[in-house]
Amino acid sequence: MADGRGLREALAEGPVHALLLDLMLPGEDGLSLCRWLRQQPDWHALPVLMLTAQGDPASRVTGLELGADDYLAKPFEPRELVARIHTVLRRAGPASARRARRPPVCSPSTTGAWIRSATGCSIATVRR
Protein backbone atom coordinates (compact mmCIF):
# COMPACT_ATOMS: atom_id res chain seq x y z
CA MET A 1 0.00 0.00 0.00
CA ALA A 2 1.17 3.49 -0.62
CA ASP A 3 -1.37 5.61 1.25
CA GLY A 4 -4.16 5.71 3.81
CA ARG A 5 -6.81 4.66 1.33
CA GLY A 6 -4.80 1.57 0.45
CA LEU A 7 -4.47 0.73 4.14
CA ARG A 8 -8.21 0.99 4.69
CA GLU A 9 -8.86 -1.24 1.66
CA ALA A 10 -6.33 -3.81 2.90
CA LEU A 11 -7.92 -3.87 6.35
CA ALA A 12 -11.28 -4.54 4.71
CA GLU A 13 -9.72 -7.47 2.81
CA GLY A 14 -7.98 -8.83 5.94
CA PRO A 15 -6.36 -10.60 7.61
CA VAL A 16 -3.71 -8.29 9.04
CA HIS A 17 -1.81 -9.29 12.17
CA ALA A 18 0.68 -6.41 12.26
CA LEU A 19 1.38 -3.22 10.35
CA LEU A 20 4.66 -1.64 9.22
CA LEU A 21 3.82 2.03 8.83
CA ASP A 22 5.93 4.79 7.29
CA LEU A 23 5.39 8.32 8.60
CA MET A 24 5.94 10.10 5.31
CA LEU A 25 3.10 9.05 3.02
CA PRO A 26 1.31 10.96 0.27
CA GLY A 27 -1.88 12.55 1.53
CA GLU A 28 -2.51 11.30 5.05
CA ASP A 29 0.65 10.81 7.11
CA GLY A 30 1.51 7.76 9.19
CA LEU A 31 0.84 9.51 12.49
CA SER A 32 -2.75 10.31 11.58
CA LEU A 33 -3.24 6.75 10.27
CA CYS A 34 -1.94 5.35 13.55
CA ARG A 35 -4.28 7.64 15.49
CA TRP A 36 -7.19 6.52 13.25
CA LEU A 37 -6.36 2.83 13.81
CA ARG A 38 -6.38 3.27 17.58
CA GLN A 39 -9.94 4.68 17.35
CA GLN A 40 -11.31 1.73 15.34
CA PRO A 41 -13.03 -1.02 17.37
CA ASP A 42 -11.81 -3.78 15.04
CA TRP A 43 -8.24 -2.52 14.74
CA HIS A 44 -7.40 -0.59 17.92
CA ALA A 45 -5.12 -3.37 19.17
CA LEU A 46 -3.39 -4.09 15.82
CA PRO A 47 0.39 -4.09 16.43
CA VAL A 48 1.94 -1.10 14.62
CA LEU A 49 5.66 -0.74 13.95
CA MET A 50 6.62 2.66 12.57
CA LEU A 51 9.44 2.33 10.07
CA THR A 52 10.59 5.73 8.90
CA ALA A 53 13.44 8.07 8.01
CA GLN A 54 12.39 10.42 10.82
CA GLY A 55 14.59 9.08 13.59
CA ASP A 56 14.99 12.11 15.83
CA PRO A 57 13.92 11.67 19.47
CA ALA A 58 10.87 13.98 19.15
CA SER A 59 9.51 11.97 16.19
CA ARG A 60 10.08 8.66 18.00
CA VAL A 61 8.29 9.86 21.13
CA THR A 62 5.39 11.31 19.12
CA GLY A 63 4.95 8.05 17.21
CA LEU A 64 4.91 6.01 20.39
CA GLU A 65 2.56 8.44 22.14
CA LEU A 66 0.10 8.25 19.24
CA GLY A 67 -0.09 4.48 19.52
CA ALA A 68 2.82 2.83 17.71
CA ASP A 69 3.98 -0.33 19.47
CA ASP A 70 7.53 0.12 18.21
CA TYR A 71 9.52 2.60 16.13
CA LEU A 72 12.50 1.92 13.90
CA ALA A 73 14.42 4.58 11.99
CA LYS A 74 15.86 4.06 8.51
CA PRO A 75 18.42 2.90 7.65
CA PHE A 76 17.95 -0.21 9.74
CA GLU A 77 19.46 -3.64 10.07
CA PRO A 78 17.08 -6.19 8.46
CA ARG A 79 17.61 -8.70 11.29
CA GLU A 80 16.59 -6.03 13.80
CA LEU A 81 13.38 -5.38 11.84
CA VAL A 82 12.55 -9.09 11.84
CA ALA A 83 13.25 -9.30 15.57
CA ARG A 84 11.02 -6.29 16.26
CA ILE A 85 8.20 -7.77 14.15
CA HIS A 86 8.42 -11.02 16.11
CA THR A 87 8.37 -9.04 19.36
CA VAL A 88 5.21 -7.06 18.54
CA LEU A 89 3.49 -10.24 17.35
CA ARG A 90 4.50 -12.06 20.54
CA ARG A 91 3.17 -9.19 22.66
CA ALA A 92 -0.11 -9.20 20.74
CA GLY A 93 -0.46 -12.91 21.41
CA PRO A 94 -3.42 -15.00 20.30
CA ALA A 95 -5.72 -11.97 20.37
CA SER A 96 -4.06 -10.74 17.17
CA ALA A 97 -4.81 -14.00 15.39
CA ARG A 98 -8.43 -14.00 16.60
CA ARG A 99 -9.01 -10.54 15.10
CA ALA A 100 -8.32 -11.83 11.60
CA ARG A 101 -11.49 -12.49 9.64
CA ARG A 102 -9.85 -15.24 7.61
CA PRO A 103 -6.86 -17.53 8.20
CA PRO A 104 -3.46 -15.94 7.51
CA VAL A 105 -2.40 -15.98 3.88
CA CYS A 106 0.60 -14.79 1.95
CA SER A 107 -0.35 -13.43 -1.42
CA PRO A 108 -0.04 -10.24 -3.39
CA SER A 109 -2.97 -7.92 -2.88
CA THR A 110 -4.33 -5.33 -5.26
CA THR A 111 -3.89 -2.81 -2.46
CA GLY A 112 -0.40 -3.61 -1.22
CA ALA A 113 2.21 -6.06 -0.13
CA TRP A 114 1.67 -8.91 2.30
CA ILE A 115 4.59 -10.41 4.15
CA ARG A 116 4.29 -13.80 5.80
CA SER A 117 6.26 -13.88 9.01
CA ALA A 118 7.92 -16.97 10.42
CA THR A 119 5.04 -17.14 12.89
CA GLY A 120 2.59 -17.50 10.00
CA CYS A 121 1.03 -14.07 10.50
CA SER A 122 0.24 -11.66 7.70
CA ILE A 123 1.85 -8.24 7.93
CA ALA A 124 0.68 -5.32 5.84
CA THR A 125 3.20 -2.70 4.81
CA VAL A 126 2.30 0.92 4.16
CA ARG A 127 5.22 2.74 2.60
CA ARG A 128 6.09 5.28 -0.04
C-alpha atoms as a PDB file:
ATOM      1  CA  MET A   1       0.000   0.000   0.000  1.00  0.00           C
ATOM      2  CA  ALA A   2       1.171   3.491  -0.615  1.00  0.00           C
ATOM      3  CA  ASP A   3      -1.369   5.611   1.253  1.00  0.00           C
ATOM      4  CA  GLY A   4      -4.161   5.709   3.814  1.00  0.00           C
ATOM      5  CA  ARG A   5      -6.811   4.660   1.333  1.00  0.00           C
ATOM      6  CA  GLY A   6      -4.799   1.571   0.449  1.00  0.00           C
ATOM      7  CA  LEU A   7      -4.472   0.732   4.137  1.00  0.00           C
ATOM      8  CA  ARG A   8      -8.209   0.993   4.691  1.00  0.00           C
ATOM      9  CA  GLU A   9      -8.858  -1.243   1.662  1.00  0.00           C
ATOM     10  CA  ALA A  10      -6.329  -3.814   2.902  1.00  0.00           C
ATOM     11  CA  LEU A  11      -7.916  -3.873   6.354  1.00  0.00           C
ATOM     12  CA  ALA A  12     -11.283  -4.544   4.711  1.00  0.00           C
ATOM     13  CA  GLU A  13      -9.722  -7.473   2.807  1.00  0.00           C
ATOM     14  CA  GLY A  14      -7.982  -8.833   5.937  1.00  0.00           C
ATOM     15  CA  PRO A  15      -6.360 -10.596   7.610  1.00  0.00           C
ATOM     16  CA  VAL A  16      -3.705  -8.290   9.044  1.00  0.00           C
ATOM     17  CA  HIS A  17      -1.807  -9.293  12.165  1.00  0.00           C
ATOM     18  CA  ALA A  18       0.681  -6.409  12.256  1.00  0.00           C
ATOM     19  CA  LEU A  19       1.380  -3.217  10.352  1.00  0.00           C
ATOM     20  CA  LEU A  20       4.656  -1.640   9.217  1.00  0.00           C
ATOM     21  CA  LEU A  21       3.817   2.026   8.831  1.00  0.00           C
ATOM     22  CA  ASP A  22       5.927   4.790   7.291  1.00  0.00           C
ATOM     23  CA  LEU A  23       5.386   8.325   8.601  1.00  0.00           C
ATOM     24  CA  MET A  24       5.936  10.098   5.306  1.00  0.00           C
ATOM     25  CA  LEU A  25       3.095   9.054   3.016  1.00  0.00           C
ATOM     26  CA  PRO A  26       1.309  10.960   0.268  1.00  0.00           C
ATOM     27  CA  GLY A  27      -1.883  12.549   1.529  1.00  0.00           C
ATOM     28  CA  GLU A  28      -2.511  11.297   5.045  1.00  0.00           C
ATOM     29  CA  ASP A  29       0.654  10.812   7.106  1.00  0.00           C
ATOM     30  CA  GLY A  30       1.506   7.758   9.187  1.00  0.00           C
ATOM     31  CA  LEU A  31       0.844   9.506  12.489  1.00  0.00           C
ATOM     32  CA  SER A  32      -2.746  10.308  11.576  1.00  0.00           C
ATOM     33  CA  LEU A  33      -3.239   6.754  10.272  1.00  0.00           C
ATOM     34  CA  CYS A  34      -1.940   5.345  13.551  1.00  0.00           C
ATOM     35  CA  ARG A  35      -4.279   7.643  15.487  1.00  0.00           C
ATOM     36  CA  TRP A  36      -7.191   6.521  13.247  1.00  0.00           C
ATOM     37  CA  LEU A  37      -6.358   2.829  13.807  1.00  0.00           C
ATOM     38  CA  ARG A  38      -6.384   3.266  17.578  1.00  0.00           C
ATOM     39  CA  GLN A  39      -9.940   4.676  17.349  1.00  0.00           C
ATOM     40  CA  GLN A  40     -11.314   1.730  15.335  1.00  0.00           C
ATOM     41  CA  PRO A  41     -13.029  -1.021  17.373  1.00  0.00           C
ATOM     42  CA  ASP A  42     -11.814  -3.779  15.035  1.00  0.00           C
ATOM     43  CA  TRP A  43      -8.239  -2.520  14.742  1.00  0.00           C
ATOM     44  CA  HIS A  44      -7.399  -0.589  17.916  1.00  0.00           C
ATOM     45  CA  ALA A  45      -5.119  -3.373  19.173  1.00  0.00           C
ATOM     46  CA  LEU A  46      -3.393  -4.085  15.820  1.00  0.00           C
ATOM     47  CA  PRO A  47       0.387  -4.091  16.428  1.00  0.00           C
ATOM     48  CA  VAL A  48       1.939  -1.102  14.623  1.00  0.00           C
ATOM     49  CA  LEU A  49       5.658  -0.737  13.954  1.00  0.00           C
ATOM     50  CA  MET A  50       6.618   2.655  12.572  1.00  0.00           C
ATOM     51  CA  LEU A  51       9.441   2.328  10.068  1.00  0.00           C
ATOM     52  CA  THR A  52      10.591   5.730   8.903  1.00  0.00           C
ATOM     53  CA  ALA A  53      13.436   8.072   8.014  1.00  0.00           C
ATOM     54  CA  GLN A  54      12.388  10.422  10.823  1.00  0.00           C
ATOM     55  CA  GLY A  55      14.587   9.076  13.594  1.00  0.00           C
ATOM     56  CA  ASP A  56      14.986  12.114  15.829  1.00  0.00           C
ATOM     57  CA  PRO A  57      13.915  11.670  19.470  1.00  0.00           C
ATOM     58  CA  ALA A  58      10.871  13.977  19.153  1.00  0.00           C
ATOM     59  CA  SER A  59       9.508  11.971  16.185  1.00  0.00           C
ATOM     60  CA  ARG A  60      10.077   8.664  17.998  1.00  0.00           C
ATOM     61  CA  VAL A  61       8.285   9.857  21.128  1.00  0.00           C
ATOM     62  CA  THR A  62       5.392  11.312  19.119  1.00  0.00           C
ATOM     63  CA  GLY A  63       4.950   8.052  17.210  1.00  0.00           C
ATOM     64  CA  LEU A  64       4.915   6.007  20.392  1.00  0.00           C
ATOM     65  CA  GLU A  65       2.560   8.439  22.144  1.00  0.00           C
ATOM     66  CA  LEU A  66       0.098   8.246  19.242  1.00  0.00           C
ATOM     67  CA  GLY A  67      -0.085   4.482  19.517  1.00  0.00           C
ATOM     68  CA  ALA A  68       2.821   2.830  17.712  1.00  0.00           C
ATOM     69  CA  ASP A  69       3.982  -0.326  19.472  1.00  0.00           C
ATOM     70  CA  ASP A  70       7.527   0.122  18.212  1.00  0.00           C
ATOM     71  CA  TYR A  71       9.520   2.599  16.131  1.00  0.00           C
ATOM     72  CA  LEU A  72      12.504   1.919  13.903  1.00  0.00           C
ATOM     73  CA  ALA A  73      14.420   4.579  11.987  1.00  0.00           C
ATOM     74  CA  LYS A  74      15.862   4.057   8.507  1.00  0.00           C
ATOM     75  CA  PRO A  75      18.425   2.899   7.647  1.00  0.00           C
ATOM     76  CA  PHE A  76      17.952  -0.211   9.743  1.00  0.00           C
ATOM     77  CA  GLU A  77      19.465  -3.643  10.068  1.00  0.00           C
ATOM     78  CA  PRO A  78      17.079  -6.190   8.462  1.00  0.00           C
ATOM     79  CA  ARG A  79      17.610  -8.698  11.291  1.00  0.00           C
ATOM     80  CA  GLU A  80      16.591  -6.033  13.798  1.00  0.00           C
ATOM     81  CA  LEU A  81      13.383  -5.375  11.841  1.00  0.00           C
ATOM     82  CA  VAL A  82      12.545  -9.085  11.836  1.00  0.00           C
ATOM     83  CA  ALA A  83      13.248  -9.296  15.571  1.00  0.00           C
ATOM     84  CA  ARG A  84      11.015  -6.294  16.265  1.00  0.00           C
ATOM     85  CA  ILE A  85       8.198  -7.772  14.150  1.00  0.00           C
ATOM     86  CA  HIS A  86       8.416 -11.018  16.108  1.00  0.00           C
ATOM     87  CA  THR A  87       8.370  -9.041  19.357  1.00  0.00           C
ATOM     88  CA  VAL A  88       5.210  -7.055  18.539  1.00  0.00           C
ATOM     89  CA  LEU A  89       3.490 -10.240  17.353  1.00  0.00           C
ATOM     90  CA  ARG A  90       4.499 -12.061  20.538  1.00  0.00           C
ATOM     91  CA  ARG A  91       3.175  -9.187  22.665  1.00  0.00           C
ATOM     92  CA  ALA A  92      -0.113  -9.200  20.738  1.00  0.00           C
ATOM     93  CA  GLY A  93      -0.465 -12.912  21.411  1.00  0.00           C
ATOM     94  CA  PRO A  94      -3.425 -15.002  20.303  1.00  0.00           C
ATOM     95  CA  ALA A  95      -5.720 -11.966  20.366  1.00  0.00           C
ATOM     96  CA  SER A  96      -4.059 -10.736  17.166  1.00  0.00           C
ATOM     97  CA  ALA A  97      -4.814 -14.002  15.387  1.00  0.00           C
ATOM     98  CA  ARG A  98      -8.431 -14.000  16.596  1.00  0.00           C
ATOM     99  CA  ARG A  99      -9.006 -10.539  15.100  1.00  0.00           C
ATOM    100  CA  ALA A 100      -8.319 -11.829  11.604  1.00  0.00           C
ATOM    101  CA  ARG A 101     -11.487 -12.495   9.643  1.00  0.00           C
ATOM    102  CA  ARG A 102      -9.846 -15.245   7.613  1.00  0.00           C
ATOM    103  CA  PRO A 103      -6.858 -17.535   8.197  1.00  0.00           C
ATOM    104  CA  PRO A 104      -3.457 -15.936   7.505  1.00  0.00           C
ATOM    105  CA  VAL A 105      -2.395 -15.978   3.875  1.00  0.00           C
ATOM    106  CA  CYS A 106       0.599 -14.792   1.949  1.00  0.00           C
ATOM    107  CA  SER A 107      -0.355 -13.429  -1.422  1.00  0.00           C
ATOM    108  CA  PRO A 108      -0.043 -10.240  -3.387  1.00  0.00           C
ATOM    109  CA  SER A 109      -2.970  -7.916  -2.878  1.00  0.00           C
ATOM    110  CA  THR A 110      -4.331  -5.328  -5.263  1.00  0.00           C
ATOM    111  CA  THR A 111      -3.894  -2.810  -2.457  1.00  0.00           C
ATOM    112  CA  GLY A 112      -0.403  -3.611  -1.224  1.00  0.00           C
ATOM    113  CA  ALA A 113       2.210  -6.064  -0.129  1.00  0.00           C
ATOM    114  CA  TRP A 114       1.667  -8.913   2.296  1.00  0.00           C
ATOM    115  CA  ILE A 115       4.589 -10.408   4.153  1.00  0.00           C
ATOM    116  CA  ARG A 116       4.290 -13.798   5.802  1.00  0.00           C
ATOM    117  CA  SER A 117       6.264 -13.882   9.015  1.00  0.00           C
ATOM    118  CA  ALA A 118       7.922 -16.966  10.420  1.00  0.00           C
ATOM    119  CA  THR A 119       5.043 -17.144  12.885  1.00  0.00           C
ATOM    120  CA  GLY A 120       2.590 -17.499   9.999  1.00  0.00           C
ATOM    121  CA  CYS A 121       1.027 -14.067  10.502  1.00  0.00           C
ATOM    122  CA  SER A 122       0.242 -11.660   7.698  1.00  0.00           C
ATOM    123  CA  ILE A 123       1.849  -8.244   7.927  1.00  0.00           C
ATOM    124  CA  ALA A 124       0.676  -5.317   5.844  1.00  0.00           C
ATOM    125  CA  THR A 125       3.202  -2.701   4.814  1.00  0.00           C
ATOM    126  CA  VAL A 126       2.305   0.919   4.163  1.00  0.00           C
ATOM    127  CA  ARG A 127       5.216   2.741   2.603  1.00  0.00           C
ATOM    128  CA  ARG A 128       6.093   5.279  -0.039  1.00  0.00           C
END
